[in-house]
Amino acid sequence: MDPDETKVKDYLEERGFIVERFPKEDTRVGKTPDFQVFRNGEFLFYCEVKSSSQNQWLDEQLKHAVPGELVGGGRSDPIFNRLENHIHGAMKQFDAVNEGQTHPNVLVFVNHDVMCGFNDLLAVITGNFYADDGTVHPIYRKFSNGRIKNEKERVHLYIWLDDHKPPRMVFSETEETLHATLCAAFDVGQNEIKQIGS
């Protein structure tokens, strides 16, 4: 188990869950999510862990540059593509065991990139930039309405774990029964969830 998977396992176990890996025979057949999560002997949800690491693009260029050489250049921000790729990859893993969505899918991001934050996840999921003045700007629709347009709603809960910030959650609220299961499991009142709109 890598350090990020251990961090997520600890996070869930601190909340009273039992976290188990898939049996080896299941993982030999195909890609599965990282964990099956239980409480009081009852299976509750599937959990996949994705790591958001700091981009090494410029560091790699600097490492191979000769003294005095200019490196870098303009390019698109890779953060949004990275998060979109993680959601897309996680859905393949969830679909391998839960295509009919009989149980909730929970995707946990463990973030180590100081340039990436929870608002970037919101941007990819909703397509919106949420300004400090409360205005909403639909500038990220190419991500939210791209290849994850339907997939993002089949992740029933996103959990964002930063190295030095409190955990954050986004409930997709796309399936009433699965949403209620997650709210009860995480002891979150449905009326306590702040609606962000999309």
C-alpha atoms as a PDB file:
ATOM      1  CA  MET A   1       0.000   0.000   0.000  1.00  0.00           C
ATOM      2  CA  ASP A   2       1.455   3.366  -0.980  1.00  0.00           C
ATOM      3  CA  PRO A   3       1.521   6.343   1.454  1.00  0.00           C
ATOM      4  CA  ASP A   4      -1.540   8.020  -0.085  1.00  0.00           C
ATOM      5  CA  GLU A   5      -3.598   4.839   0.136  1.00  0.00           C
ATOM      6  CA  THR A   6      -2.487   4.493   3.760  1.00  0.00           C
ATOM      7  CA  LYS A   7      -3.532   8.102   4.415  1.00  0.00           C
ATOM      8  CA  VAL A   8      -7.006   7.446   2.984  1.00  0.00           C
ATOM      9  CA  LYS A   9      -7.322   4.164   4.873  1.00  0.00           C
ATOM     10  CA  ASP A  10      -6.441   5.976   8.119  1.00  0.00           C
ATOM     11  CA  TYR A  11      -8.884   8.808   7.311  1.00  0.00           C
ATOM     12  CA  LEU A  12     -11.725   6.331   6.800  1.00  0.00           C
ATOM     13  CA  GLU A  13     -10.832   4.142   9.786  1.00  0.00           C
ATOM     14  CA  GLU A  14     -10.801   7.226  12.043  1.00  0.00           C
ATOM     15  CA  ARG A  15     -14.453   7.621  11.033  1.00  0.00           C
ATOM     16  CA  GLY A  16     -15.342   4.078  12.076  1.00  0.00           C
ATOM     17  CA  PHE A  17     -15.106   2.337   8.699  1.00  0.00           C
ATOM     18  CA  ILE A  18     -13.437  -0.992   7.967  1.00  0.00           C
ATOM     19  CA  VAL A  19     -11.296  -0.627   4.847  1.00  0.00           C
ATOM     20  CA  GLU A  20     -10.309  -3.706   2.836  1.00  0.00           C
ATOM     21  CA  ARG A  21      -8.396  -4.342  -0.356  1.00  0.00           C
ATOM     22  CA  PHE A  22     -10.026  -6.422  -3.069  1.00  0.00           C
ATOM     23  CA  PRO A  23      -9.121 -10.122  -3.025  1.00  0.00           C
ATOM     24  CA  LYS A  24      -6.171 -10.975  -5.302  1.00  0.00           C
ATOM     25  CA  GLU A  25      -8.375 -13.088  -7.585  1.00  0.00           C
ATOM     26  CA  ASP A  26     -10.482  -9.982  -8.362  1.00  0.00           C
ATOM     27  CA  THR A  27      -7.475  -7.790  -9.108  1.00  0.00           C
ATOM     28  CA  ARG A  28      -6.017 -10.413 -11.451  1.00  0.00           C
ATOM     29  CA  VAL A  29      -9.128 -10.292 -13.639  1.00  0.00           C
ATOM     30  CA  GLY A  30      -9.036  -6.521 -14.146  1.00  0.00           C
ATOM     31  CA  LYS A  31      -8.533  -3.087 -12.655  1.00  0.00           C
ATOM     32  CA  THR A  32     -10.573  -2.501  -9.501  1.00  0.00           C
ATOM     33  CA  PRO A  33     -10.937   0.437  -7.122  1.00  0.00           C
ATOM     34  CA  ASP A  34      -8.457   0.475  -4.264  1.00  0.00           C
ATOM     35  CA  PHE A  35     -10.839  -0.386  -1.430  1.00  0.00           C
ATOM     36  CA  GLN A  36     -14.127  -1.878  -0.357  1.00  0.00           C
ATOM     37  CA  VAL A  37     -15.446  -0.062   2.714  1.00  0.00           C
ATOM     38  CA  PHE A  38     -17.604  -1.589   5.459  1.00  0.00           C
ATOM     39  CA  ARG A  39     -19.144  -0.686   8.790  1.00  0.00           C
ATOM     40  CA  ASN A  40     -20.610  -3.154  11.287  1.00  0.00           C
ATOM     41  CA  GLY A  41     -20.136  -5.984   8.802  1.00  0.00           C
ATOM     42  CA  GLU A  42     -22.159  -4.225   6.085  1.00  0.00           C
ATOM     43  CA  PHE A  43     -20.582  -3.275   2.765  1.00  0.00           C
ATOM     44  CA  LEU A  44     -21.128   0.462   2.169  1.00  0.00           C
ATOM     45  CA  PHE A  45     -19.099   1.767  -0.771  1.00  0.00           C
ATOM     46  CA  TYR A  46     -16.202   1.420  -3.165  1.00  0.00           C
ATOM     47  CA  CYS A  47     -13.261   3.789  -2.777  1.00  0.00           C
ATOM     48  CA  GLU A  48     -10.579   4.802  -5.255  1.00  0.00           C
ATOM     49  CA  VAL A  49      -7.528   6.902  -4.309  1.00  0.00           C
ATOM     50  CA  LYS A  50      -5.861   9.301  -6.741  1.00  0.00           C
ATOM     51  CA  SER A  51      -2.738  11.336  -5.986  1.00  0.00           C
ATOM     52  CA  SER A  52      -2.329  14.870  -7.263  1.00  0.00           C
ATOM     53  CA  SER A  53       1.400  15.482  -7.275  1.00  0.00           C
ATOM     54  CA  GLN A  54       3.245  18.665  -8.085  1.00  0.00           C
ATOM     55  CA  ASN A  55       3.939  19.048 -11.796  1.00  0.00           C
ATOM     56  CA  GLN A  56       7.589  18.352 -12.611  1.00  0.00           C
ATOM     57  CA  TRP A  57       7.621  19.793 -16.159  1.00  0.00           C
ATOM     58  CA  LEU A  58       9.830  22.809 -15.413  1.00  0.00           C
ATOM     59  CA  ASP A  59      11.974  20.924 -12.887  1.00  0.00           C
ATOM     60  CA  GLU A  60      12.777  18.284 -15.529  1.00  0.00           C
ATOM     61  CA  GLN A  61      13.764  20.966 -18.041  1.00  0.00           C
ATOM     62  CA  LEU A  62      16.007  22.661 -15.491  1.00  0.00           C
ATOM     63  CA  LYS A  63      17.629  19.359 -14.583  1.00  0.00           C
ATOM     64  CA  HIS A  64      18.688  18.753 -18.191  1.00  0.00           C
ATOM     65  CA  ALA A  65      19.600  22.360 -19.099  1.00  0.00           C
ATOM     66  CA  VAL A  66      23.153  23.489 -19.598  1.00  0.00           C
ATOM     67  CA  PRO A  67      24.278  26.475 -17.492  1.00  0.00           C
ATOM     68  CA  GLY A  68      22.806  29.720 -18.837  1.00  0.00           C
ATOM     69  CA  GLU A  69      20.200  27.972 -21.035  1.00  0.00           C
ATOM     70  CA  LEU A  70      16.655  29.370 -20.908  1.00  0.00           C
ATOM     71  CA  VAL A  71      13.972  26.756 -20.312  1.00  0.00           C
ATOM     72  CA  GLY A  72      10.224  26.766 -19.837  1.00  0.00           C
ATOM     73  CA  GLY A  73       7.687  28.454 -22.050  1.00  0.00           C
ATOM     74  CA  GLY A  74       3.983  28.943 -22.330  1.00  0.00           C
ATOM     75  CA  ARG A  75       1.572  26.043 -22.059  1.00  0.00           C
ATOM     76  CA  SER A  76      -1.876  25.230 -20.752  1.00  0.00           C
ATOM     77  CA  ASP A  77      -2.288  24.674 -17.024  1.00  0.00           C
ATOM     78  CA  PRO A  78      -1.979  20.874 -16.590  1.00  0.00           C
ATOM     79  CA  ILE A  79      -3.968  20.737 -13.336  1.00  0.00           C
ATOM     80  CA  PHE A  80      -7.412  20.520 -14.934  1.00  0.00           C
ATOM     81  CA  ASN A  81      -6.384  17.792 -17.392  1.00  0.00           C
ATOM     82  CA  ARG A  82      -4.789  15.837 -14.550  1.00  0.00           C
ATOM     83  CA  LEU A  83      -7.963  15.950 -12.432  1.00  0.00           C
ATOM     84  CA  GLU A  84     -10.126  15.086 -15.451  1.00  0.00           C
ATOM     85  CA  ASN A  85      -7.853  12.113 -16.220  1.00  0.00           C
ATOM     86  CA  HIS A  86      -8.100  10.920 -12.618  1.00  0.00           C
ATOM     87  CA  ILE A  87     -11.918  11.009 -12.707  1.00  0.00           C
ATOM     88  CA  HIS A  88     -11.970   9.191 -16.054  1.00  0.00           C
ATOM     89  CA  GLY A  89      -9.548   6.519 -14.830  1.00  0.00           C
ATOM     90  CA  ALA A  90     -11.411   6.040 -11.563  1.00  0.00           C
ATOM     91  CA  MET A  91     -14.689   5.478 -13.407  1.00  0.00           C
ATOM     92  CA  LYS A  92     -13.129   2.632 -15.387  1.00  0.00           C
ATOM     93  CA  GLN A  93     -12.130   1.052 -12.089  1.00  0.00           C
ATOM     94  CA  PHE A  94     -15.551   1.616 -10.498  1.00  0.00           C
ATOM     95  CA  ASP A  95     -17.343   0.249 -13.573  1.00  0.00           C
ATOM     96  CA  ALA A  96     -15.274  -2.939 -13.391  1.00  0.00           C
ATOM     97  CA  VAL A  97     -17.057  -3.866 -10.141  1.00  0.00           C
ATOM     98  CA  ASN A  98     -20.080  -1.543  -9.903  1.00  0.00           C
ATOM     99  CA  GLU A  99     -21.345  -0.808 -13.405  1.00  0.00           C
ATOM    100  CA  GLY A 100     -24.967  -1.010 -12.236  1.00  0.00           C
ATOM    101  CA  GLN A 101     -24.225   1.436  -9.401  1.00  0.00           C
ATOM    102  CA  THR A 102     -25.711  -0.748  -6.699  1.00  0.00           C
ATOM    103  CA  HIS A 103     -23.350   0.879  -4.190  1.00  0.00           C
ATOM    104  CA  PRO A 104     -21.814   4.360  -3.941  1.00  0.00           C
ATOM    105  CA  ASN A 105     -18.518   5.227  -5.616  1.00  0.00           C
ATOM    106  CA  VAL A 106     -16.209   7.420  -3.516  1.00  0.00           C
ATOM    107  CA  LEU A 107     -13.182   9.060  -5.132  1.00  0.00           C
ATOM    108  CA  VAL A 108     -10.542  10.461  -2.781  1.00  0.00           C
ATOM    109  CA  PHE A 109      -7.910  12.892  -4.047  1.00  0.00           C
ATOM    110  CA  VAL A 110      -4.746  13.197  -1.976  1.00  0.00           C
ATOM    111  CA  ASN A 111      -3.203  16.500  -3.027  1.00  0.00           C
ATOM    112  CA  HIS A 112       0.510  17.325  -2.767  1.00  0.00           C
ATOM    113  CA  ASP A 113       0.568  20.138  -5.338  1.00  0.00           C
ATOM    114  CA  VAL A 114       0.625  23.623  -3.788  1.00  0.00           C
ATOM    115  CA  MET A 115      -0.622  25.036  -7.114  1.00  0.00           C
ATOM    116  CA  CYS A 116      -3.676  22.745  -7.118  1.00  0.00           C
ATOM    117  CA  GLY A 117      -6.587  23.025  -4.715  1.00  0.00           C
ATOM    118  CA  PHE A 118     -10.152  22.059  -3.943  1.00  0.00           C
ATOM    119  CA  ASN A 119     -11.473  24.860  -6.173  1.00  0.00           C
ATOM    120  CA  ASP A 120      -9.737  23.217  -9.133  1.00  0.00           C
ATOM    121  CA  LEU A 121     -11.724  20.050  -8.466  1.00  0.00           C
ATOM    122  CA  LEU A 122     -14.928  22.117  -8.328  1.00  0.00           C
ATOM    123  CA  ALA A 123     -13.958  23.721 -11.648  1.00  0.00           C
ATOM    124  CA  VAL A 124     -13.531  20.352 -13.343  1.00  0.00           C
ATOM    125  CA  ILE A 125     -16.771  18.930 -11.912  1.00  0.00           C
ATOM    126  CA  THR A 126     -19.011  21.975 -12.469  1.00  0.00           C
ATOM    127  CA  GLY A 127     -17.246  23.799 -15.291  1.00  0.00           C
ATOM    128  CA  ASN A 128     -17.356  26.986 -13.255  1.00  0.00           C
ATOM    129  CA  PHE A 129     -14.917  29.419 -11.712  1.00  0.00           C
ATOM    130  CA  TYR A 130     -16.299  30.668  -8.379  1.00  0.00           C
ATOM    131  CA  ALA A 131     -14.992  34.186  -7.755  1.00  0.00           C
ATOM    132  CA  ASP A 132     -14.428  35.636  -4.286  1.00  0.00           C
ATOM    133  CA  ASP A 133     -17.219  38.164  -4.924  1.00  0.00           C
ATOM    134  CA  GLY A 134     -19.741  35.314  -5.304  1.00  0.00           C
ATOM    135  CA  THR A 135     -20.061  35.483  -9.062  1.00  0.00           C
ATOM    136  CA  VAL A 136     -19.908  32.312 -11.130  1.00  0.00           C
ATOM    137  CA  HIS A 137     -18.085  32.173 -14.455  1.00  0.00           C
ATOM    138  CA  PRO A 138     -18.523  29.119 -16.759  1.00  0.00           C
ATOM    139  CA  ILE A 139     -14.952  29.042 -18.061  1.00  0.00           C
ATOM    140  CA  TYR A 140     -14.080  25.364 -17.477  1.00  0.00           C
ATOM    141  CA  ARG A 141     -16.904  23.709 -19.440  1.00  0.00           C
ATOM    142  CA  LYS A 142     -14.468  21.998 -21.808  1.00  0.00           C
ATOM    143  CA  PHE A 143     -13.523  19.802 -18.853  1.00  0.00           C
ATOM    144  CA  SER A 144     -16.888  19.316 -17.144  1.00  0.00           C
ATOM    145  CA  ASN A 145     -18.737  18.776 -20.439  1.00  0.00           C
ATOM    146  CA  GLY A 146     -15.947  16.789 -22.098  1.00  0.00           C
ATOM    147  CA  ARG A 147     -15.262  13.095 -21.688  1.00  0.00           C
ATOM    148  CA  ILE A 148     -16.242  13.113 -17.996  1.00  0.00           C
ATOM    149  CA  LYS A 149     -19.626  14.758 -18.664  1.00  0.00           C
ATOM    150  CA  ASN A 150     -21.532  11.618 -17.618  1.00  0.00           C
ATOM    151  CA  GLU A 151     -18.784   9.951 -15.590  1.00  0.00           C
ATOM    152  CA  LYS A 152     -18.444  12.719 -12.986  1.00  0.00           C
ATOM    153  CA  GLU A 153     -22.025  12.144 -11.817  1.00  0.00           C
ATOM    154  CA  ARG A 154     -21.366   8.443 -11.237  1.00  0.00           C
ATOM    155  CA  VAL A 155     -18.861   9.382  -8.547  1.00  0.00           C
ATOM    156  CA  HIS A 156     -21.239   9.877  -5.641  1.00  0.00           C
ATOM    157  CA  LEU A 157     -18.760  11.500  -3.272  1.00  0.00           C
ATOM    158  CA  TYR A 158     -15.474  13.294  -3.883  1.00  0.00           C
ATOM    159  CA  ILE A 159     -13.175  13.731  -0.889  1.00  0.00           C
ATOM    160  CA  TRP A 160     -10.244  16.158  -1.120  1.00  0.00           C
ATOM    161  CA  LEU A 161      -7.349  15.633   1.297  1.00  0.00           C
ATOM    162  CA  ASP A 162      -4.665  18.324   1.267  1.00  0.00           C
ATOM    163  CA  ASP A 163      -1.372  18.014   3.106  1.00  0.00           C
ATOM    164  CA  HIS A 164      -2.062  20.991   5.411  1.00  0.00           C
ATOM    165  CA  LYS A 165      -5.764  21.843   5.094  1.00  0.00           C
ATOM    166  CA  PRO A 166      -8.969  20.313   6.443  1.00  0.00           C
ATOM    167  CA  PRO A 167     -10.657  17.625   4.313  1.00  0.00           C
ATOM    168  CA  ARG A 168     -13.373  18.771   1.895  1.00  0.00           C
ATOM    169  CA  MET A 169     -16.261  16.825   0.357  1.00  0.00           C
ATOM    170  CA  VAL A 170     -18.435  17.178  -2.730  1.00  0.00           C
ATOM    171  CA  PHE A 171     -21.569  15.045  -2.932  1.00  0.00           C
ATOM    172  CA  SER A 172     -22.839  14.613  -6.491  1.00  0.00           C
ATOM    173  CA  GLU A 173     -26.395  13.950  -5.221  1.00  0.00           C
ATOM    174  CA  THR A 174     -27.199  12.188  -8.498  1.00  0.00           C
ATOM    175  CA  GLU A 175     -28.843   9.077  -7.053  1.00  0.00           C
ATOM    176  CA  GLU A 176     -31.079   9.585  -4.034  1.00  0.00           C
ATOM    177  CA  THR A 177     -30.595   6.223  -2.314  1.00  0.00           C
ATOM    178  CA  LEU A 178     -26.808   6.188  -2.729  1.00  0.00           C
ATOM    179  CA  HIS A 179     -26.620   9.813  -1.602  1.00  0.00           C
ATOM    180  CA  ALA A 180     -28.609   8.995   1.546  1.00  0.00           C
ATOM    181  CA  THR A 181     -26.305   6.033   2.227  1.00  0.00           C
ATOM    182  CA  LEU A 182     -23.218   8.264   2.079  1.00  0.00           C
ATOM    183  CA  CYS A 183     -24.762  11.036   4.173  1.00  0.00           C
ATOM    184  CA  ALA A 184     -25.632   8.515   6.878  1.00  0.00           C
ATOM    185  CA  ALA A 185     -22.214   6.837   6.662  1.00  0.00           C
ATOM    186  CA  PHE A 186     -20.324  10.134   7.031  1.00  0.00           C
ATOM    187  CA  ASP A 187     -22.838  11.588   9.512  1.00  0.00           C
ATOM    188  CA  VAL A 188     -23.679  14.529   7.246  1.00  0.00           C
ATOM    189  CA  GLY A 189     -27.196  15.929   7.292  1.00  0.00           C
ATOM    190  CA  GLN A 190     -28.533  16.321   3.762  1.00  0.00           C
ATOM    191  CA  ASN A 191     -29.730  19.823   4.655  1.00  0.00           C
ATOM    192  CA  GLU A 192     -26.166  20.733   5.794  1.00  0.00           C
ATOM    193  CA  ILE A 193     -24.706  20.307   2.302  1.00  0.00           C
ATOM    194  CA  LYS A 194     -23.953  23.631   0.646  1.00  0.00           C
ATOM    195  CA  GLN A 195     -25.331  23.707  -2.890  1.00  0.00           C
ATOM    196  CA  ILE A 196     -22.779  24.989  -5.385  1.00  0.00           C
ATOM    197  CA  GLY A 197     -24.717  24.744  -8.642  1.00  0.00           C
ATOM    198  CA  SER A 198     -23.332  23.734 -11.994  1.00  0.00           C
END
